[in-house]
Amino acid sequence: MSKRLEDFMRANKDEFNDLEPRMELWDSIELKLNLASEPEKTKKSEAKTFSLGFVLRVAASVIVVMGVCFVLYLRNSSNQGIELADINPAYAKQQMHYASLVQTKRNELKTVAKIDPQLYHEFSKEIAKMDSAYTRLKSDLATSPNQERTLRAMIRNLQIQTEVLNQQLNVIEQFKELKKEQKNEIKNI
């Protein structure tokens, strides 16, 4: 089929070339192209407009974010409502002392996690129970009718935590000494 088309085109080549477009036609096409591109330029310079749906979605997002921030602010301000020094300055100092002592002992106990994770896990369970009781006392402090008594209970809880942590650290030291003695006995044999 293409062979026949090629033969036809060769045979009638002169007839195809005798028709050429007028020169004014190209000028007319160029003018139309220029006119068509001008509205695009004016469209680009116009300000963008947003649909109502888009604006409402943005407004709703802003309201949700502001609501979350407000709730977090209220939550943080309610937790920091009571100063222990306002209740009893001496008890506040004791509470700070024992709280820092408990934190120090917990950090010492964390070194055991690398040596014996199972033992650390058992010790952590006991401390977690006492810590949850302390947290409950701390949250009850704001609404307690006898805040000084609640503060003393918090201090007593921290004292007990300190004693338990000391006992746990002593057990760990004894465990280490027992391991050293066993290694020495094995070396002596």
C-alpha atoms as a PDB file:
ATOM      1  CA  MET A   1       0.000   0.000   0.000  1.00  0.00           C
ATOM      2  CA  SER A   2       2.764   2.451   0.784  1.00  0.00           C
ATOM      3  CA  LYS A   3       4.455   1.637  -2.508  1.00  0.00           C
ATOM      4  CA  ARG A   4       1.331   2.718  -4.400  1.00  0.00           C
ATOM      5  CA  LEU A   5       1.143   5.931  -2.377  1.00  0.00           C
ATOM      6  CA  GLU A   6       4.760   6.771  -3.138  1.00  0.00           C
ATOM      7  CA  ASP A   7       4.247   6.128  -6.834  1.00  0.00           C
ATOM      8  CA  PHE A   8       1.170   8.364  -6.825  1.00  0.00           C
ATOM      9  CA  MET A   9       3.038  11.184  -5.102  1.00  0.00           C
ATOM     10  CA  ARG A  10       5.945  11.013  -7.558  1.00  0.00           C
ATOM     11  CA  ALA A  11       3.623  11.012 -10.488  1.00  0.00           C
ATOM     12  CA  ASN A  12       1.636  14.012  -9.270  1.00  0.00           C
ATOM     13  CA  LYS A  13       4.442  15.991  -7.653  1.00  0.00           C
ATOM     14  CA  ASP A  14       3.880  19.078  -9.724  1.00  0.00           C
ATOM     15  CA  GLU A  15       0.215  19.252  -8.815  1.00  0.00           C
ATOM     16  CA  PHE A  16       1.042  19.173  -5.089  1.00  0.00           C
ATOM     17  CA  ASN A  17       3.566  22.031  -5.334  1.00  0.00           C
ATOM     18  CA  ASP A  18       1.459  24.443  -7.356  1.00  0.00           C
ATOM     19  CA  LEU A  19      -0.656  25.566  -4.383  1.00  0.00           C
ATOM     20  CA  GLU A  20       1.137  27.826  -1.892  1.00  0.00           C
ATOM     21  CA  PRO A  21      -0.493  29.877   0.855  1.00  0.00           C
ATOM     22  CA  ARG A  22      -0.851  33.629   0.476  1.00  0.00           C
ATOM     23  CA  MET A  23       1.663  35.823   2.297  1.00  0.00           C
ATOM     24  CA  GLU A  24      -1.098  37.593   4.211  1.00  0.00           C
ATOM     25  CA  LEU A  25      -2.128  34.253   5.689  1.00  0.00           C
ATOM     26  CA  TRP A  26       1.081  34.014   7.741  1.00  0.00           C
ATOM     27  CA  ASP A  27       0.625  37.570   9.016  1.00  0.00           C
ATOM     28  CA  SER A  28      -2.943  36.752   9.992  1.00  0.00           C
ATOM     29  CA  ILE A  29      -1.837  33.605  11.873  1.00  0.00           C
ATOM     30  CA  GLU A  30       0.888  35.521  13.675  1.00  0.00           C
ATOM     31  CA  LEU A  31      -1.573  38.225  14.723  1.00  0.00           C
ATOM     32  CA  LYS A  32      -4.005  35.647  16.073  1.00  0.00           C
ATOM     33  CA  LEU A  33      -1.230  33.946  18.056  1.00  0.00           C
ATOM     34  CA  ASN A  34      -0.201  37.266  19.620  1.00  0.00           C
ATOM     35  CA  LEU A  35      -3.796  38.059  20.587  1.00  0.00           C
ATOM     36  CA  ALA A  36      -4.232  34.592  22.095  1.00  0.00           C
ATOM     37  CA  SER A  37      -1.134  34.922  24.284  1.00  0.00           C
ATOM     38  CA  GLU A  38      -2.069  38.374  25.661  1.00  0.00           C
ATOM     39  CA  PRO A  39      -5.001  37.137  27.810  1.00  0.00           C
ATOM     40  CA  GLU A  40      -2.668  34.551  29.357  1.00  0.00           C
ATOM     41  CA  LYS A  41      -0.315  37.334  30.383  1.00  0.00           C
ATOM     42  CA  THR A  42      -3.156  39.261  31.997  1.00  0.00           C
ATOM     43  CA  LYS A  43      -4.354  36.107  33.773  1.00  0.00           C
ATOM     44  CA  LYS A  44      -0.917  35.604  35.274  1.00  0.00           C
ATOM     45  CA  SER A  45      -0.837  39.105  36.689  1.00  0.00           C
ATOM     46  CA  GLU A  46      -4.253  38.757  38.358  1.00  0.00           C
ATOM     47  CA  ALA A  47      -4.344  37.911  42.080  1.00  0.00           C
ATOM     48  CA  LYS A  48      -5.086  34.339  43.064  1.00  0.00           C
ATOM     49  CA  THR A  49      -8.410  33.690  44.687  1.00  0.00           C
ATOM     50  CA  PHE A  50      -9.221  30.840  47.061  1.00  0.00           C
ATOM     51  CA  SER A  51     -12.378  28.809  47.148  1.00  0.00           C
ATOM     52  CA  LEU A  52     -14.652  28.988  50.170  1.00  0.00           C
ATOM     53  CA  GLY A  53     -14.036  25.327  50.955  1.00  0.00           C
ATOM     54  CA  PHE A  54     -10.284  25.874  51.112  1.00  0.00           C
ATOM     55  CA  VAL A  55     -10.652  28.891  53.392  1.00  0.00           C
ATOM     56  CA  LEU A  56     -12.982  26.953  55.716  1.00  0.00           C
ATOM     57  CA  ARG A  57     -10.549  24.019  55.927  1.00  0.00           C
ATOM     58  CA  VAL A  58      -7.685  26.346  56.828  1.00  0.00           C
ATOM     59  CA  ALA A  59      -9.814  28.106  59.448  1.00  0.00           C
ATOM     60  CA  ALA A  60     -10.873  24.775  60.969  1.00  0.00           C
ATOM     61  CA  SER A  61      -7.242  23.635  61.149  1.00  0.00           C
ATOM     62  CA  VAL A  62      -6.223  26.835  62.903  1.00  0.00           C
ATOM     63  CA  ILE A  63      -9.046  26.448  65.439  1.00  0.00           C
ATOM     64  CA  VAL A  64      -8.092  22.831  66.183  1.00  0.00           C
ATOM     65  CA  VAL A  65      -4.421  23.733  66.704  1.00  0.00           C
ATOM     66  CA  MET A  66      -5.342  26.635  68.980  1.00  0.00           C
ATOM     67  CA  GLY A  67      -7.678  24.353  70.962  1.00  0.00           C
ATOM     68  CA  VAL A  68      -4.974  21.752  71.495  1.00  0.00           C
ATOM     69  CA  CYS A  69      -2.502  24.413  72.597  1.00  0.00           C
ATOM     70  CA  PHE A  70      -5.037  25.857  75.026  1.00  0.00           C
ATOM     71  CA  VAL A  71      -5.746  22.436  76.567  1.00  0.00           C
ATOM     72  CA  LEU A  72      -2.018  21.771  76.984  1.00  0.00           C
ATOM     73  CA  TYR A  73      -1.582  25.177  78.593  1.00  0.00           C
ATOM     74  CA  LEU A  74      -4.399  24.509  81.059  1.00  0.00           C
ATOM     75  CA  ARG A  75      -3.039  21.065  81.829  1.00  0.00           C
ATOM     76  CA  ASN A  76       0.451  22.406  82.571  1.00  0.00           C
ATOM     77  CA  SER A  77      -0.817  25.320  84.641  1.00  0.00           C
ATOM     78  CA  SER A  78      -2.972  23.035  86.809  1.00  0.00           C
ATOM     79  CA  ASN A  79      -0.007  20.721  87.507  1.00  0.00           C
ATOM     80  CA  GLN A  80       2.124  23.610  88.687  1.00  0.00           C
ATOM     81  CA  GLY A  81      -0.596  25.135  90.871  1.00  0.00           C
ATOM     82  CA  ILE A  82       0.790  24.324  94.323  1.00  0.00           C
ATOM     83  CA  GLU A  83       4.210  25.236  95.584  1.00  0.00           C
ATOM     84  CA  LEU A  84       5.446  22.939  98.333  1.00  0.00           C
ATOM     85  CA  ALA A  85       7.275  25.800 100.026  1.00  0.00           C
ATOM     86  CA  ASP A  86       3.924  27.569 100.492  1.00  0.00           C
ATOM     87  CA  ILE A  87       2.657  24.633 102.552  1.00  0.00           C
ATOM     88  CA  ASN A  88       5.735  24.097 104.726  1.00  0.00           C
ATOM     89  CA  PRO A  89       9.230  25.279 103.748  1.00  0.00           C
ATOM     90  CA  ALA A  90      10.987  22.660 105.900  1.00  0.00           C
ATOM     91  CA  TYR A  91       8.986  19.831 104.370  1.00  0.00           C
ATOM     92  CA  ALA A  92       9.611  21.243 100.909  1.00  0.00           C
ATOM     93  CA  LYS A  93      13.382  21.094 101.518  1.00  0.00           C
ATOM     94  CA  GLN A  94      13.073  17.508 102.769  1.00  0.00           C
ATOM     95  CA  GLN A  95      11.007  16.555  99.750  1.00  0.00           C
ATOM     96  CA  MET A  96      13.597  18.056  97.379  1.00  0.00           C
ATOM     97  CA  HIS A  97      16.418  16.293  99.242  1.00  0.00           C
ATOM     98  CA  TYR A  98      14.768  12.880  99.119  1.00  0.00           C
ATOM     99  CA  ALA A  99      13.612  13.307  95.543  1.00  0.00           C
ATOM    100  CA  SER A 100      17.174  14.046  94.410  1.00  0.00           C
ATOM    101  CA  LEU A 101      18.467  11.158  96.526  1.00  0.00           C
ATOM    102  CA  VAL A 102      15.960   8.775  94.937  1.00  0.00           C
ATOM    103  CA  GLN A 103      16.966   9.974  91.471  1.00  0.00           C
ATOM    104  CA  THR A 104      20.653   9.421  92.261  1.00  0.00           C
ATOM    105  CA  LYS A 105      19.975   5.913  93.548  1.00  0.00           C
ATOM    106  CA  ARG A 106      17.889   5.116  90.468  1.00  0.00           C
ATOM    107  CA  ASN A 107      20.756   6.193  88.237  1.00  0.00           C
ATOM    108  CA  GLU A 108      23.098   3.887  90.174  1.00  0.00           C
ATOM    109  CA  LEU A 109      20.592   1.085  89.777  1.00  0.00           C
ATOM    110  CA  LYS A 110      20.439   1.637  86.013  1.00  0.00           C
ATOM    111  CA  THR A 111      24.050   0.502  85.769  1.00  0.00           C
ATOM    112  CA  VAL A 112      22.807  -2.929  86.843  1.00  0.00           C
ATOM    113  CA  ALA A 113      20.588  -3.117  83.783  1.00  0.00           C
ATOM    114  CA  LYS A 114      23.672  -3.737  81.658  1.00  0.00           C
ATOM    115  CA  ILE A 115      25.028  -6.418  83.976  1.00  0.00           C
ATOM    116  CA  ASP A 116      21.833  -8.261  84.927  1.00  0.00           C
ATOM    117  CA  PRO A 117      18.694  -7.084  83.092  1.00  0.00           C
ATOM    118  CA  GLN A 118      16.396  -9.555  84.841  1.00  0.00           C
ATOM    119  CA  LEU A 119      17.420  -8.362  88.304  1.00  0.00           C
ATOM    120  CA  TYR A 120      17.016  -4.759  87.211  1.00  0.00           C
ATOM    121  CA  HIS A 121      13.536  -5.559  85.896  1.00  0.00           C
ATOM    122  CA  GLU A 122      12.498  -7.043  89.240  1.00  0.00           C
ATOM    123  CA  PHE A 123      13.856  -4.074  91.159  1.00  0.00           C
ATOM    124  CA  SER A 124      12.174  -1.646  88.762  1.00  0.00           C
ATOM    125  CA  LYS A 125       8.774  -3.234  89.391  1.00  0.00           C
ATOM    126  CA  GLU A 126       9.001  -2.504  93.107  1.00  0.00           C
ATOM    127  CA  ILE A 127      10.135   1.066  92.581  1.00  0.00           C
ATOM    128  CA  ALA A 128       7.407   1.628  89.995  1.00  0.00           C
ATOM    129  CA  LYS A 129       4.741   0.639  92.540  1.00  0.00           C
ATOM    130  CA  MET A 130       6.074   3.118  95.065  1.00  0.00           C
ATOM    131  CA  ASP A 131       6.489   5.774  92.414  1.00  0.00           C
ATOM    132  CA  SER A 132       2.849   5.408  91.344  1.00  0.00           C
ATOM    133  CA  ALA A 133       1.792   5.891  94.987  1.00  0.00           C
ATOM    134  CA  TYR A 134       3.967   9.017  95.145  1.00  0.00           C
ATOM    135  CA  THR A 135       2.425  10.353  91.936  1.00  0.00           C
ATOM    136  CA  ARG A 136      -1.054   9.748  93.318  1.00  0.00           C
ATOM    137  CA  LEU A 137      -0.149  11.627  96.514  1.00  0.00           C
ATOM    138  CA  LYS A 138       1.273  14.481  94.472  1.00  0.00           C
ATOM    139  CA  SER A 139      -1.913  14.793  92.411  1.00  0.00           C
ATOM    140  CA  ASP A 140      -4.051  14.627  95.591  1.00  0.00           C
ATOM    141  CA  LEU A 141      -2.017  17.404  97.184  1.00  0.00           C
ATOM    142  CA  ALA A 142      -3.925  20.169  95.367  1.00  0.00           C
ATOM    143  CA  THR A 143      -7.329  18.984  96.578  1.00  0.00           C
ATOM    144  CA  SER A 144      -6.322  17.644  99.966  1.00  0.00           C
ATOM    145  CA  PRO A 145      -7.928  19.333 102.986  1.00  0.00           C
ATOM    146  CA  ASN A 146      -4.762  18.654 105.002  1.00  0.00           C
ATOM    147  CA  GLN A 147      -1.968  19.448 102.568  1.00  0.00           C
ATOM    148  CA  GLU A 148       0.758  19.281 105.206  1.00  0.00           C
ATOM    149  CA  ARG A 149      -0.205  15.699 106.054  1.00  0.00           C
ATOM    150  CA  THR A 150      -0.195  14.759 102.358  1.00  0.00           C
ATOM    151  CA  LEU A 151       3.228  16.385 101.977  1.00  0.00           C
ATOM    152  CA  ARG A 152       4.529  14.353 104.931  1.00  0.00           C
ATOM    153  CA  ALA A 153       3.150  11.198 103.263  1.00  0.00           C
ATOM    154  CA  MET A 154       4.985  12.150 100.066  1.00  0.00           C
ATOM    155  CA  ILE A 155       8.224  12.595 102.029  1.00  0.00           C
ATOM    156  CA  ARG A 156       7.695   9.272 103.799  1.00  0.00           C
ATOM    157  CA  ASN A 157       7.161   7.586 100.433  1.00  0.00           C
ATOM    158  CA  LEU A 158      10.436   9.054  99.155  1.00  0.00           C
ATOM    159  CA  GLN A 159      12.208   7.897 102.324  1.00  0.00           C
ATOM    160  CA  ILE A 160      10.913   4.364 101.803  1.00  0.00           C
ATOM    161  CA  GLN A 161      11.955   4.482  98.152  1.00  0.00           C
ATOM    162  CA  THR A 162      15.448   5.545  99.269  1.00  0.00           C
ATOM    163  CA  GLU A 163      15.631   2.666 101.768  1.00  0.00           C
ATOM    164  CA  VAL A 164      14.452   0.135  99.187  1.00  0.00           C
ATOM    165  CA  LEU A 165      16.920   1.436  96.616  1.00  0.00           C
ATOM    166  CA  ASN A 166      19.734   1.223  99.197  1.00  0.00           C
ATOM    167  CA  GLN A 167      18.760  -2.377  99.950  1.00  0.00           C
ATOM    168  CA  GLN A 168      18.668  -3.196  96.252  1.00  0.00           C
ATOM    169  CA  LEU A 169      22.085  -1.633  95.742  1.00  0.00           C
ATOM    170  CA  ASN A 170      23.428  -3.632  98.722  1.00  0.00           C
ATOM    171  CA  VAL A 171      22.052  -6.830  97.189  1.00  0.00           C
ATOM    172  CA  ILE A 172      23.802  -5.961  93.952  1.00  0.00           C
ATOM    173  CA  GLU A 173      27.094  -5.323  95.770  1.00  0.00           C
ATOM    174  CA  GLN A 174      26.776  -8.649  97.594  1.00  0.00           C
ATOM    175  CA  PHE A 175      26.005 -10.333  94.291  1.00  0.00           C
ATOM    176  CA  LYS A 176      29.122  -8.798  92.731  1.00  0.00           C
ATOM    177  CA  GLU A 177      31.275  -9.893  95.690  1.00  0.00           C
ATOM    178  CA  LEU A 178      29.853 -13.410  95.456  1.00  0.00           C
ATOM    179  CA  LYS A 179      30.762 -13.536  91.760  1.00  0.00           C
ATOM    180  CA  LYS A 180      34.300 -12.327  92.545  1.00  0.00           C
ATOM    181  CA  GLU A 181      34.702 -14.987  95.230  1.00  0.00           C
ATOM    182  CA  GLN A 182      33.465 -17.651  92.822  1.00  0.00           C
ATOM    183  CA  LYS A 183      35.958 -16.486  90.189  1.00  0.00           C
ATOM    184  CA  ASN A 184      38.766 -16.551  92.759  1.00  0.00           C
ATOM    185  CA  GLU A 185      37.807 -20.087  93.876  1.00  0.00           C
ATOM    186  CA  ILE A 186      37.787 -21.226  90.254  1.00  0.00           C
ATOM    187  CA  LYS A 187      41.213 -19.670  89.687  1.00  0.00           C
ATOM    188  CA  ASN A 188      42.584 -21.333  92.849  1.00  0.00           C
ATOM    189  CA  ILE A 189      41.426 -24.749  91.695  1.00  0.00           C
END
